[in-house]
Amino acid sequence: MLPQSYPSIAVIADAHFHDTGADFGFAGIEVGGQHITMRSWSDTRQSTRVFNESADALRAALDKVAMRGIRHVVLLGDYTDDGQRATTETLRSLLQTHSDSYGTAFYALPGNHDIFGPIGRHHTKEFLGEGAIGLSVSSDATMAAENVFFSENMYCEGYPNGLNPMAAFGYFRRPEYRHWETPFGASDAVEDRIYTVTSPDGRNTYHLMDASYLVEPEPGLWLLMLDANVFEPRVGSFELGEEAAFIDSTAAGWNAMLRMKPFIFDWIADVSRRAREEGKTLLAFSHYPALDPFDGATGAEGMLFGETNVVRRTPVKAVEDALIAAGVTVHFSGHLHVEGVTRRGPVGRSLTNIAVPSLVAFPPAFKVIQASQHEIRIGTVAMSALPVNDRLCEGYSIEAEIRREDADPAFSAGDYGSFLRQHKRALVRHRYFVKEWPVQIVKAIDGRNVLEVIAPLVGLNGAAVAEFADAADMPMSELITDWYCLRQGASLALAHIEPERLILYRLLALRLGQEPRAHDGSLPSFLGIFFGALGLFLDRAEDGSDCLTLPLPVLGDLVPA
């Protein structure tokens, strides 16, 4: 038992809740006598997250929270599918019902999918209509056409309107909070939480709301909730507040905080100082990672694929320096749907970033924190054993039949974790190969087994064939799928990959892996870096654990900046 411990806190990241019963002005696909507002598999297999399964996953996570008697839940951003009005309102109702039933308090942070800029943005999404025929729904009336339905419910709100449905979940003061403040003071009024940003050419100036807050839900426990959604005005001439006027926060996060919200770092430093002086346990949260959650492995990805989403979203060293100087020691992040622990900084003044997995991408899980004044224990609640929603899979199967495609193996997965691993396999072919991999590399490996692919590196003499015998029976696409699973899942991925495969992967990394460096475009050069990254992923996985204990600094422990 921890000394002077606080009640447990669940941390749920990237739930991406989609309401399969939402009214967007069309009937939806009929499965088992019931209509479903269902996103298509053809769209899902190109996305780094699944859509329709999110409602079941979030409800199951909340059930696990209730079973454990957890009273506090942090929603670490991207709690909605894409901030749609209908979706956000349904989520509000779901959370309020849970709160009313179990006395649970929720503390939300905005992610890049929940809210956009000062006035919001339009969305157009692909769904399955009657007979599994594909159709689109748009919040932009000018997009309406024969197979495009118009619905205001599809619109994503901006600041502050997008916060209103979630107002009861931390964004504004509540009487039960022992302490609550913002970077601007004690007021929770929107007009008192405004900062100013200007484009580099000085032509576009906006007064935006920051949704950061500090809350004390239990005596001595401070949750520092940091809004790292940053909307940078672009150079040029734009309509006031239009989407094109801003650099999307998706790839910005903490890197843009340094430029656009320097006042946040001053506030963090002040909060950290007061926490030490008053003996508070301080935990920091934001949607965006403060340190590279892949712990350096993104260097190889940049060499292989260039400016991928992961590379663009990696925080720079200056973020680490600024947060350490401000006194942050433990920070929880989402955004990249990854499991990982990264530590940086000198002894006595280090920063640890805990990357929390998503509920709708491999591997599905959330975190549980048990904190005391001197340490925190962080456990992982895996969601892979959840049952697969058969009605959704039936809908996907009908869609595949209409499109004259084979049913994806995901449709017959035995559990949710297996479903998401199969989704990752589909992602390799329909997203990564198409958008990120060099065309000549895909042509060289497509349809071949691992032994055939590595032949240029090892030669096909008798010794090589014997050493890599297991590689002859494995399609290269399977290895690539597991490469991405290990990248995202770290230690949580190990239980999903067969032991003999892990042995082969370690052998390939040891024999063929190389340090990241500019490659000449040839297959051997590419594979050397690819297998080197595989070794790094295996190291992260084998060094990790689903339980972690971190010491917390107490008054006088921190080395002065």
Protein backbone atom coordinates (compact mmCIF):
# COMPACT_ATOMS: atom_id res chain seq x y z
CA MET A 1 0.00 0.00 0.00
CA LEU A 2 1.35 3.41 -0.93
CA PRO A 3 1.86 5.85 1.93
CA GLN A 4 -0.76 8.62 1.95
CA SER A 5 -2.04 7.41 -1.42
CA TYR A 6 -4.74 9.15 -3.41
CA PRO A 7 -7.69 7.49 -5.17
CA SER A 8 -6.79 5.90 -8.50
CA ILE A 9 -7.02 7.85 -11.76
CA ALA A 10 -7.84 6.26 -15.10
CA VAL A 11 -6.27 7.86 -18.19
CA ILE A 12 -8.11 7.22 -21.44
CA ALA A 13 -6.50 8.55 -24.61
CA ASP A 14 -7.86 8.80 -28.14
CA ALA A 15 -11.23 7.14 -27.61
CA HIS A 16 -12.39 8.73 -30.92
CA PHE A 17 -16.01 8.06 -30.01
CA HIS A 18 -18.27 7.60 -33.04
CA ASP A 19 -22.00 7.30 -32.47
CA THR A 20 -23.30 4.40 -34.57
CA GLY A 21 -26.84 5.65 -33.83
CA ALA A 22 -26.24 9.26 -34.89
CA ASP A 23 -28.75 11.02 -37.11
CA PHE A 24 -26.96 12.47 -40.12
CA GLY A 25 -30.01 12.50 -42.38
CA PHE A 26 -29.81 9.01 -43.91
CA ALA A 27 -31.10 5.61 -42.85
CA GLY A 28 -27.81 3.74 -42.63
CA ILE A 29 -27.07 0.12 -43.41
CA GLU A 30 -29.55 -2.44 -42.09
CA VAL A 31 -27.98 -5.38 -40.24
CA GLY A 32 -30.05 -7.87 -38.28
CA GLY A 33 -33.15 -5.71 -38.64
CA GLN A 34 -31.49 -2.59 -37.22
CA HIS A 35 -30.07 0.42 -39.02
CA ILE A 36 -26.51 1.46 -38.16
CA THR A 37 -24.79 4.78 -38.86
CA MET A 38 -21.72 2.89 -39.97
CA ARG A 39 -18.46 4.04 -41.53
CA SER A 40 -17.21 1.91 -44.41
CA TRP A 41 -14.43 -0.66 -44.19
CA SER A 42 -12.87 0.81 -47.33
CA ASP A 43 -12.42 4.04 -45.37
CA THR A 44 -11.44 2.29 -42.13
CA ARG A 45 -8.60 0.32 -43.69
CA GLN A 46 -6.95 3.57 -44.75
CA SER A 47 -7.18 5.14 -41.29
CA THR A 48 -4.80 4.68 -38.37
CA ARG A 49 -7.88 4.10 -36.18
CA VAL A 50 -11.11 2.17 -36.49
CA PHE A 51 -14.40 4.06 -36.33
CA ASN A 52 -17.45 1.94 -35.63
CA GLU A 53 -15.86 -0.09 -32.84
CA SER A 54 -15.15 3.02 -30.75
CA ALA A 55 -18.52 3.14 -28.99
CA ASP A 56 -18.21 -0.44 -27.71
CA ALA A 57 -14.58 0.11 -26.71
CA LEU A 58 -15.30 3.27 -24.70
CA ARG A 59 -18.29 1.75 -22.94
CA ALA A 60 -16.21 -1.31 -22.06
CA ALA A 61 -13.40 0.89 -20.73
CA LEU A 62 -15.88 2.80 -18.56
CA ASP A 63 -17.27 -0.51 -17.30
CA LYS A 64 -13.76 -1.51 -16.24
CA VAL A 65 -13.34 1.86 -14.53
CA ALA A 66 -16.55 1.28 -12.59
CA MET A 67 -15.59 -2.30 -11.66
CA ARG A 68 -12.34 -1.02 -10.18
CA GLY A 69 -14.11 1.70 -8.21
CA ILE A 70 -12.07 4.42 -9.94
CA ARG A 71 -13.49 7.87 -9.17
CA HIS A 72 -11.40 10.06 -11.49
CA VAL A 73 -10.93 9.72 -15.26
CA VAL A 74 -8.71 11.88 -17.47
CA LEU A 75 -9.79 12.05 -21.12
CA LEU A 76 -6.52 12.76 -22.88
CA GLY A 77 -7.90 14.38 -26.03
CA ASP A 78 -9.46 13.06 -29.24
CA TYR A 79 -12.39 11.85 -27.19
CA THR A 80 -14.62 12.31 -30.25
CA ASP A 81 -14.37 10.91 -33.76
CA ASP A 82 -13.90 14.34 -35.32
CA GLY A 83 -15.71 16.80 -33.08
CA GLN A 84 -19.04 16.45 -34.90
CA ARG A 85 -21.90 18.17 -33.10
CA ALA A 86 -24.01 15.01 -32.88
CA THR A 87 -21.09 12.86 -31.78
CA THR A 88 -19.94 15.27 -29.07
CA GLU A 89 -23.47 15.58 -27.68
CA THR A 90 -23.91 11.80 -27.50
CA LEU A 91 -20.54 11.48 -25.76
CA ARG A 92 -21.58 14.13 -23.24
CA SER A 93 -24.70 12.13 -22.46
CA LEU A 94 -22.72 8.89 -22.10
CA LEU A 95 -20.20 10.44 -19.70
CA GLN A 96 -22.88 12.21 -17.67
CA THR A 97 -24.84 8.97 -17.31
CA HIS A 98 -21.72 7.20 -16.09
CA SER A 99 -20.98 10.04 -13.70
CA ASP A 100 -24.52 10.00 -12.31
CA SER A 101 -24.41 6.22 -11.85
CA TYR A 102 -20.97 5.86 -10.27
CA GLY A 103 -19.98 9.31 -9.02
CA THR A 104 -17.11 9.44 -11.50
CA ALA A 105 -15.48 12.79 -12.28
CA PHE A 106 -14.08 13.34 -15.78
CA TYR A 107 -11.31 15.78 -16.68
CA ALA A 108 -11.10 16.43 -20.42
CA LEU A 109 -8.47 17.92 -22.68
CA PRO A 110 -9.03 18.86 -26.33
CA GLY A 111 -7.28 16.94 -29.07
CA ASN A 112 -6.85 17.88 -32.70
CA HIS A 113 -9.96 15.85 -33.58
CA ASP A 114 -12.26 17.52 -31.03
CA ILE A 115 -12.21 21.22 -31.89
CA PHE A 116 -10.77 23.52 -34.53
CA GLY A 117 -9.71 27.16 -34.33
CA PRO A 118 -12.10 29.98 -33.44
CA ILE A 119 -15.14 28.99 -35.55
CA GLY A 120 -14.68 25.29 -36.39
CA ARG A 121 -14.57 23.49 -39.71
CA HIS A 122 -16.64 21.40 -42.09
CA HIS A 123 -16.40 17.62 -42.33
CA THR A 124 -17.36 15.18 -45.08
CA LYS A 125 -17.36 11.49 -44.12
CA GLU A 126 -18.03 8.23 -45.95
CA PHE A 127 -20.76 5.89 -44.64
CA LEU A 128 -22.65 2.78 -45.67
CA GLY A 129 -26.23 3.39 -46.72
CA GLU A 130 -29.02 0.93 -47.47
CA GLY A 131 -27.71 -2.15 -49.20
CA ALA A 132 -24.16 -1.25 -48.10
CA ILE A 133 -23.94 1.31 -50.86
CA GLY A 134 -21.35 3.95 -50.07
CA LEU A 135 -22.46 7.52 -49.50
CA SER A 136 -21.08 10.70 -47.97
CA VAL A 137 -22.37 13.13 -45.37
CA SER A 138 -21.14 16.71 -45.31
CA SER A 139 -21.72 19.73 -43.08
CA ASP A 140 -21.01 21.92 -46.10
CA ALA A 141 -24.28 22.60 -47.92
CA THR A 142 -22.42 23.38 -51.14
CA MET A 143 -21.24 19.74 -51.22
CA ALA A 144 -24.79 18.32 -51.32
CA ALA A 145 -25.36 16.08 -54.35
CA GLU A 146 -27.12 12.87 -55.36
CA ASN A 147 -24.98 10.70 -53.10
CA VAL A 148 -23.84 13.38 -50.61
CA PHE A 149 -26.20 14.18 -47.74
CA PHE A 150 -26.07 17.53 -45.96
CA SER A 151 -26.20 17.57 -42.15
CA GLU A 152 -25.39 20.37 -39.73
CA ASN A 153 -24.68 17.64 -37.18
CA MET A 154 -21.46 16.82 -39.05
CA TYR A 155 -19.92 20.23 -38.29
CA CYS A 156 -16.96 20.47 -35.89
CA GLU A 157 -17.16 23.51 -33.60
CA GLY A 158 -14.32 25.83 -32.63
CA TYR A 159 -13.30 27.49 -29.39
CA PRO A 160 -15.24 28.07 -27.15
CA ASN A 161 -18.44 26.52 -28.56
CA GLY A 162 -16.84 23.12 -28.99
CA LEU A 163 -16.13 22.98 -25.26
CA ASN A 164 -19.72 23.62 -24.19
CA PRO A 165 -21.01 20.02 -24.42
CA MET A 166 -18.04 18.93 -22.28
CA ALA A 167 -18.28 21.88 -19.87
CA ALA A 168 -18.99 19.67 -16.85
CA PHE A 169 -15.80 17.67 -17.36
CA GLY A 170 -13.05 19.93 -16.07
CA TYR A 171 -13.05 22.81 -18.54
CA PHE A 172 -14.94 25.06 -16.15
CA ARG A 173 -15.02 25.40 -12.37
CA ARG A 174 -17.22 23.08 -10.34
CA PRO A 175 -18.15 23.47 -6.67
CA GLU A 176 -16.68 20.10 -5.68
CA TYR A 177 -13.18 21.04 -6.87
CA ARG A 178 -10.87 21.91 -3.99
CA HIS A 179 -8.88 24.16 -6.28
CA TRP A 180 -9.26 25.20 -9.90
CA GLU A 181 -7.44 27.82 -11.98
CA THR A 182 -6.27 28.64 -15.49
CA PRO A 183 -3.07 30.25 -16.81
CA PHE A 184 -4.93 33.56 -16.53
CA GLY A 185 -6.15 33.28 -12.94
CA ALA A 186 -9.15 32.04 -10.98
CA SER A 187 -11.90 33.03 -13.43
CA ASP A 188 -13.40 30.37 -15.68
CA ALA A 189 -15.11 32.90 -17.96
CA VAL A 190 -14.22 32.49 -21.60
CA GLU A 191 -13.37 36.17 -22.01
CA ASP A 192 -10.77 35.83 -19.25
CA ARG A 193 -8.94 32.97 -20.98
CA ILE A 194 -7.93 34.65 -24.24
CA TYR A 195 -4.50 34.96 -25.87
CA THR A 196 -3.47 36.65 -29.11
CA VAL A 197 -1.69 35.12 -32.11
CA THR A 198 -0.52 36.81 -35.30
CA SER A 199 0.74 35.42 -38.60
CA PRO A 200 4.43 36.05 -39.46
CA ASP A 201 3.43 38.66 -42.05
CA GLY A 202 1.30 40.51 -39.49
CA ARG A 203 -1.81 40.33 -41.68
CA ASN A 204 -3.84 37.88 -39.59
CA THR A 205 -4.41 38.36 -35.88
CA TYR A 206 -6.71 36.22 -33.77
CA HIS A 207 -7.81 36.24 -30.15
CA LEU A 208 -8.14 32.58 -29.20
CA MET A 209 -9.20 30.74 -26.08
CA ASP A 210 -6.83 28.48 -24.17
CA ALA A 211 -8.56 25.61 -22.35
CA SER A 212 -5.76 24.68 -19.93
CA TYR A 213 -6.61 24.32 -16.25
CA LEU A 214 -5.25 23.10 -12.93
CA VAL A 215 -7.61 21.09 -10.76
CA GLU A 216 -7.28 19.60 -7.28
CA PRO A 217 -9.82 16.75 -7.14
CA GLU A 218 -8.44 15.27 -3.91
CA PRO A 219 -6.55 17.00 -1.09
CA GLY A 220 -2.90 17.25 -2.15
CA LEU A 221 -3.36 15.97 -5.72
CA TRP A 222 -2.95 18.46 -8.58
CA LEU A 223 -3.81 17.57 -12.16
CA LEU A 224 -2.22 19.99 -14.62
CA MET A 225 -4.34 19.82 -17.76
CA LEU A 226 -2.53 21.48 -20.67
CA ASP A 227 -4.26 22.54 -23.86
CA ALA A 228 -1.56 22.05 -26.51
CA ASN A 229 -3.99 22.51 -29.40
CA VAL A 230 -2.26 25.32 -31.26
CA PHE A 231 -3.67 27.12 -34.30
CA GLU A 232 -1.01 29.19 -36.02
CA PRO A 233 -2.26 31.84 -38.46
CA ARG A 234 -0.81 31.37 -41.94
CA VAL A 235 0.82 34.00 -44.09
CA GLY A 236 -1.54 35.41 -46.69
CA SER A 237 -5.10 36.65 -47.13
CA PHE A 238 -8.00 34.56 -45.78
CA GLU A 239 -11.62 34.78 -44.78
CA LEU A 240 -11.85 35.49 -41.06
CA GLY A 241 -11.48 32.21 -39.16
CA GLU A 242 -11.66 29.87 -42.16
CA GLU A 243 -9.91 26.51 -41.84
CA ALA A 244 -7.27 27.35 -44.46
CA ALA A 245 -6.18 30.36 -42.37
CA PHE A 246 -4.50 28.12 -39.79
CA ILE A 247 -1.80 25.50 -39.66
CA ASP A 248 -3.61 22.45 -38.30
CA SER A 249 -2.62 21.51 -34.77
CA THR A 250 -2.22 17.85 -35.77
CA ALA A 251 1.51 18.02 -36.48
CA ALA A 252 2.25 20.96 -34.19
CA GLY A 253 1.48 20.25 -30.55
CA TRP A 254 4.27 21.20 -28.15
CA ASN A 255 6.56 22.40 -30.94
CA ALA A 256 4.06 25.14 -31.72
CA MET A 257 3.47 25.83 -28.02
CA LEU A 258 7.00 27.21 -27.84
CA ARG A 259 6.12 29.81 -30.48
CA MET A 260 2.45 30.54 -29.87
CA LYS A 261 1.85 29.98 -26.15
CA PRO A 262 5.01 30.90 -24.22
CA PHE A 263 2.83 32.09 -21.32
CA ILE A 264 1.91 28.45 -20.65
CA PHE A 265 5.50 27.63 -19.70
CA ASP A 266 5.57 30.50 -17.23
CA TRP A 267 2.34 29.24 -15.68
CA ILE A 268 3.67 25.66 -15.50
CA ALA A 269 6.77 26.91 -13.69
CA ASP A 270 4.62 28.82 -11.21
CA VAL A 271 2.36 25.81 -10.62
CA SER A 272 5.39 23.54 -10.15
CA ARG A 273 6.92 25.94 -7.63
CA ARG A 274 3.69 26.16 -5.64
CA ALA A 275 3.23 22.39 -5.74
CA ARG A 276 6.67 21.88 -4.20
CA GLU A 277 6.15 24.56 -1.59
CA GLU A 278 2.71 23.27 -0.59
CA GLY A 279 3.58 19.57 -0.77
CA LYS A 280 1.22 18.80 -3.65
CA THR A 281 1.61 15.80 -5.94
CA LEU A 282 1.66 17.26 -9.46
CA LEU A 283 0.84 15.24 -12.58
CA ALA A 284 0.82 16.86 -16.02
CA PHE A 285 -1.34 15.87 -19.00
CA SER A 286 -1.78 16.97 -22.60
CA HIS A 287 -2.97 15.37 -25.80
CA TYR A 288 0.42 15.77 -27.49
CA PRO A 289 3.66 13.99 -26.51
CA ALA A 290 6.26 16.12 -24.75
CA LEU A 291 9.04 13.66 -25.63
CA ASP A 292 9.46 11.29 -28.56
CA PRO A 293 7.22 8.38 -27.49
CA PHE A 294 9.21 6.04 -29.76
CA ASP A 295 12.35 6.95 -27.80
CA GLY A 296 14.52 7.79 -30.81
CA ALA A 297 13.31 5.20 -33.30
CA THR A 298 11.68 7.89 -35.44
CA GLY A 299 15.12 8.64 -36.92
CA ALA A 300 14.97 5.38 -38.86
CA GLU A 301 11.43 6.09 -40.01
CA GLY A 302 12.47 9.48 -41.36
CA MET A 303 15.29 7.87 -43.34
CA LEU A 304 12.97 5.19 -44.74
CA PHE A 305 9.83 7.14 -45.51
CA GLY A 306 10.60 10.85 -45.18
CA GLU A 307 8.20 13.23 -43.42
CA THR A 308 5.58 10.76 -42.20
CA ASN A 309 2.88 11.67 -39.68
CA VAL A 310 5.01 10.20 -36.91
CA VAL A 311 8.11 12.16 -37.93
CA ARG A 312 6.19 15.43 -38.23
CA ARG A 313 4.62 14.96 -34.81
CA THR A 314 7.86 14.32 -32.91
CA PRO A 315 8.61 17.08 -30.36
CA VAL A 316 11.90 18.92 -30.71
CA LYS A 317 14.60 19.04 -28.04
CA ALA A 318 13.58 22.58 -27.05
CA VAL A 319 10.25 21.24 -25.73
CA GLU A 320 12.09 18.89 -23.40
CA ASP A 321 14.33 21.69 -22.20
CA ALA A 322 11.44 24.09 -21.60
CA LEU A 323 9.31 21.61 -19.66
CA ILE A 324 12.21 20.41 -17.52
CA ALA A 325 13.10 24.03 -16.75
CA ALA A 326 9.47 24.62 -15.78
CA GLY A 327 9.61 21.74 -13.30
CA VAL A 328 7.51 19.08 -15.04
CA THR A 329 8.60 15.59 -13.98
CA VAL A 330 5.77 13.31 -15.20
CA HIS A 331 3.65 13.96 -18.30
CA PHE A 332 0.97 11.77 -19.89
CA SER A 333 0.24 12.03 -23.62
CA GLY A 334 -1.88 10.49 -26.37
CA HIS A 335 -2.18 11.51 -30.04
CA LEU A 336 0.09 8.90 -31.65
CA HIS A 337 -1.80 5.81 -30.39
CA VAL A 338 1.40 4.38 -28.95
CA GLU A 339 2.51 2.60 -25.80
CA GLY A 340 5.80 3.94 -24.52
CA VAL A 341 7.82 5.44 -21.71
CA THR A 342 10.51 8.01 -22.52
CA ARG A 343 12.86 9.65 -20.01
CA ARG A 344 15.11 12.61 -20.65
CA GLY A 345 17.14 15.10 -18.63
CA PRO A 346 19.81 15.02 -15.95
CA VAL A 347 19.55 13.22 -12.62
CA GLY A 348 17.46 15.27 -10.23
CA ARG A 349 15.70 17.19 -12.99
CA SER A 350 14.38 14.65 -15.46
CA LEU A 351 11.14 14.42 -17.41
CA THR A 352 9.23 11.19 -18.06
CA ASN A 353 6.59 11.04 -20.79
CA ILE A 354 4.03 8.25 -20.48
CA ALA A 355 2.45 7.60 -23.89
CA VAL A 356 -1.05 6.17 -23.45
CA PRO A 357 -2.40 3.83 -26.18
CA SER A 358 -5.68 4.44 -27.96
CA LEU A 359 -8.89 2.46 -27.50
CA VAL A 360 -9.33 2.20 -31.29
CA ALA A 361 -5.91 1.16 -32.59
CA PHE A 362 -3.55 -1.73 -31.89
CA PRO A 363 -2.96 -2.35 -29.02
CA PRO A 364 -6.15 -1.10 -27.27
CA ALA A 365 -5.57 -0.14 -23.63
CA PHE A 366 -5.76 2.61 -21.04
CA LYS A 367 -3.71 3.50 -17.97
CA VAL A 368 -4.47 3.59 -14.26
CA ILE A 369 -2.45 5.82 -11.93
CA GLN A 370 -2.10 5.25 -8.21
CA ALA A 371 -0.23 8.19 -6.72
CA SER A 372 1.17 9.14 -3.36
CA GLN A 373 3.24 12.10 -2.25
CA HIS A 374 6.47 10.31 -3.17
CA GLU A 375 5.77 7.99 -6.09
CA ILE A 376 3.26 6.97 -8.70
CA ARG A 377 2.43 3.51 -9.94
CA ILE A 378 1.11 3.24 -13.46
CA GLY A 379 -0.73 0.12 -14.56
CA THR A 380 -2.15 -0.84 -17.94
CA VAL A 381 -5.65 -2.16 -18.56
CA ALA A 382 -5.60 -4.09 -21.85
CA MET A 383 -8.78 -4.15 -23.93
CA SER A 384 -7.74 -6.82 -26.45
CA ALA A 385 -9.94 -9.55 -24.96
CA LEU A 386 -13.17 -7.67 -25.74
CA PRO A 387 -15.56 -9.52 -28.04
CA VAL A 388 -15.84 -8.42 -31.63
CA ASN A 389 -19.12 -6.78 -32.63
CA ASP A 390 -20.60 -9.35 -35.00
CA ARG A 391 -23.17 -6.93 -36.43
CA LEU A 392 -20.43 -4.55 -37.53
CA CYS A 393 -18.46 -7.38 -39.09
CA GLU A 394 -21.57 -8.52 -40.92
CA GLY A 395 -21.95 -5.00 -42.29
CA TYR A 396 -18.34 -5.03 -43.47
CA SER A 397 -18.91 -8.42 -45.13
CA ILE A 398 -21.94 -7.09 -47.01
CA GLU A 399 -19.87 -4.09 -48.13
CA ALA A 400 -17.07 -6.38 -49.37
CA GLU A 401 -19.56 -8.49 -51.31
CA ILE A 402 -21.04 -5.40 -52.96
CA ARG A 403 -17.53 -4.23 -53.88
CA ARG A 404 -16.68 -7.74 -55.16
CA GLU A 405 -13.80 -8.07 -52.73
CA ASP A 406 -12.76 -10.96 -50.53
CA ALA A 407 -13.80 -10.68 -46.91
CA ASP A 408 -10.94 -9.28 -44.84
CA PRO A 409 -9.63 -11.66 -42.11
CA ALA A 410 -10.55 -8.93 -39.61
CA PHE A 411 -14.22 -9.75 -40.12
CA SER A 412 -13.78 -13.17 -38.51
CA ALA A 413 -11.34 -12.16 -35.75
CA GLY A 414 -11.80 -13.94 -32.45
CA ASP A 415 -11.40 -10.88 -30.22
CA TYR A 416 -10.91 -7.13 -30.41
CA GLY A 417 -7.11 -7.30 -30.19
CA SER A 418 -7.00 -9.72 -33.12
CA PHE A 419 -9.40 -7.51 -35.04
CA LEU A 420 -7.09 -4.51 -34.58
CA ARG A 421 -4.03 -6.54 -35.57
CA GLN A 422 -5.83 -7.53 -38.77
CA HIS A 423 -6.73 -3.88 -39.24
CA LYS A 424 -3.02 -3.08 -38.99
CA ARG A 425 -2.37 -5.68 -41.71
CA ALA A 426 -4.94 -3.95 -43.95
CA LEU A 427 -3.31 -0.59 -43.16
CA VAL A 428 0.01 -1.82 -44.51
CA ARG A 429 -1.49 -2.47 -47.94
CA HIS A 430 -4.05 0.31 -48.18
CA ARG A 431 -2.28 3.18 -46.41
CA TYR A 432 1.41 2.69 -45.69
CA PHE A 433 2.33 1.09 -49.03
CA VAL A 434 0.26 3.70 -50.88
CA LYS A 435 1.20 6.86 -48.97
CA GLU A 436 4.58 6.28 -47.36
CA TRP A 437 6.62 3.43 -48.83
CA PRO A 438 8.84 4.00 -51.88
CA VAL A 439 7.16 2.55 -54.96
CA GLN A 440 10.24 0.58 -56.03
CA ILE A 441 10.53 -1.04 -52.60
CA VAL A 442 6.89 -2.13 -52.60
CA LYS A 443 7.34 -3.67 -56.06
CA ALA A 444 10.44 -5.53 -54.88
CA ILE A 445 8.76 -7.15 -51.86
CA ASP A 446 5.08 -7.46 -52.75
CA GLY A 447 3.88 -11.07 -52.75
CA ARG A 448 7.24 -12.51 -51.67
CA ASN A 449 8.29 -14.33 -48.53
CA VAL A 450 10.88 -13.01 -46.12
CA LEU A 451 13.65 -15.33 -47.29
CA GLU A 452 13.20 -14.24 -50.89
CA VAL A 453 13.31 -10.58 -49.86
CA ILE A 454 16.47 -10.85 -47.76
CA ALA A 455 18.34 -12.90 -50.36
CA PRO A 456 20.31 -9.88 -51.66
CA LEU A 457 21.61 -9.31 -48.13
CA VAL A 458 22.52 -12.85 -47.11
CA GLY A 459 22.85 -14.83 -50.33
CA LEU A 460 21.04 -18.13 -50.74
CA ASN A 461 23.87 -20.49 -49.81
CA GLY A 462 23.19 -23.46 -47.58
CA ALA A 463 24.26 -21.75 -44.35
CA ALA A 464 21.99 -18.77 -44.95
CA VAL A 465 19.03 -20.96 -45.83
CA ALA A 466 19.51 -22.96 -42.63
CA GLU A 467 19.88 -19.86 -40.43
CA PHE A 468 16.78 -18.18 -41.83
CA ALA A 469 14.73 -21.30 -42.51
CA ASP A 470 11.65 -19.94 -40.73
CA ALA A 471 11.69 -16.93 -43.05
CA ALA A 472 10.78 -19.10 -46.03
CA ASP A 473 7.28 -19.70 -44.68
CA MET A 474 6.47 -16.10 -43.73
CA PRO A 475 5.07 -13.57 -46.20
CA MET A 476 6.98 -10.29 -46.03
CA SER A 477 3.67 -8.52 -45.48
CA GLU A 478 3.31 -10.38 -42.16
CA LEU A 479 6.70 -9.19 -40.96
CA ILE A 480 5.86 -5.62 -41.96
CA THR A 481 2.55 -5.83 -40.07
CA ASP A 482 4.37 -6.97 -36.94
CA TRP A 483 6.97 -4.20 -37.46
CA TYR A 484 4.17 -1.64 -37.13
CA CYS A 485 2.56 -3.55 -34.25
CA LEU A 486 5.84 -3.52 -32.30
CA ARG A 487 6.37 0.14 -33.16
CA GLN A 488 2.98 1.08 -31.69
CA GLY A 489 2.54 -1.52 -28.98
CA ALA A 490 6.01 -2.01 -27.45
CA SER A 491 5.63 -4.50 -24.57
CA LEU A 492 1.87 -4.78 -25.14
CA ALA A 493 2.48 -6.19 -28.64
CA LEU A 494 4.56 -9.16 -27.49
CA ALA A 495 1.57 -11.24 -26.40
CA HIS A 496 0.06 -10.90 -29.89
CA ILE A 497 3.11 -12.08 -31.87
CA GLU A 498 4.08 -15.75 -32.01
CA PRO A 499 7.31 -16.57 -30.09
CA GLU A 500 8.98 -18.12 -33.14
CA ARG A 501 8.37 -14.91 -35.05
CA LEU A 502 9.97 -12.85 -32.31
CA ILE A 503 13.05 -15.09 -32.45
CA LEU A 504 13.28 -14.61 -36.21
CA TYR A 505 12.84 -10.85 -35.90
CA ARG A 506 15.66 -10.61 -33.36
CA LEU A 507 17.91 -12.65 -35.68
CA LEU A 508 17.11 -10.40 -38.63
CA ALA A 509 17.81 -7.29 -36.56
CA LEU A 510 21.13 -8.67 -35.27
CA ARG A 511 22.39 -9.98 -38.61
CA LEU A 512 21.02 -7.42 -41.04
CA GLY A 513 20.08 -4.31 -39.08
CA GLN A 514 21.94 -1.04 -39.64
CA GLU A 515 21.99 2.40 -38.04
CA PRO A 516 19.71 5.03 -39.63
CA ARG A 517 21.47 6.85 -42.44
CA ALA A 518 20.69 8.17 -45.88
CA HIS A 519 20.17 5.16 -48.15
CA ASP A 520 20.72 4.86 -51.88
CA GLY A 521 17.18 3.70 -52.70
CA SER A 522 18.21 0.08 -53.19
CA LEU A 523 16.41 -2.77 -51.46
CA PRO A 524 19.48 -3.89 -49.43
CA SER A 525 20.05 -0.36 -48.17
CA PHE A 526 16.38 0.07 -47.26
CA LEU A 527 16.17 -3.30 -45.51
CA GLY A 528 19.27 -2.62 -43.43
CA ILE A 529 17.63 0.44 -41.85
CA PHE A 530 14.26 -1.32 -41.65
CA PHE A 531 15.68 -4.25 -39.70
CA GLY A 532 17.73 -1.89 -37.55
CA ALA A 533 14.49 -0.16 -36.53
CA LEU A 534 12.95 -3.58 -35.87
CA GLY A 535 15.74 -4.21 -33.38
CA LEU A 536 14.99 -0.90 -31.63
CA PHE A 537 11.30 -1.79 -31.43
CA LEU A 538 12.16 -5.17 -29.92
CA ASP A 539 14.44 -3.51 -27.38
CA ARG A 540 11.65 -1.13 -26.35
CA ALA A 541 9.19 -4.00 -26.09
CA GLU A 542 11.44 -6.26 -24.05
CA ASP A 543 12.58 -3.45 -21.73
CA GLY A 544 9.02 -2.30 -21.08
CA SER A 545 6.34 -3.48 -18.71
CA ASP A 546 2.61 -3.00 -18.26
CA CYS A 547 3.39 -1.71 -14.75
CA LEU A 548 5.70 1.17 -13.89
CA THR A 549 6.73 2.89 -10.66
CA LEU A 550 8.18 6.39 -10.74
CA PRO A 551 9.52 8.38 -7.80
CA LEU A 552 8.16 11.89 -7.43
CA PRO A 553 10.29 14.80 -6.22
CA VAL A 554 9.41 16.32 -2.89
CA LEU A 555 10.22 19.75 -1.51
CA GLY A 556 13.94 20.44 -1.96
CA ASP A 557 14.60 17.43 -4.22
CA LEU A 558 14.78 19.30 -7.51
CA VAL A 559 18.10 20.61 -8.68
CA PRO A 560 17.75 24.34 -9.51
CA ALA A 561 17.47 25.12 -13.24
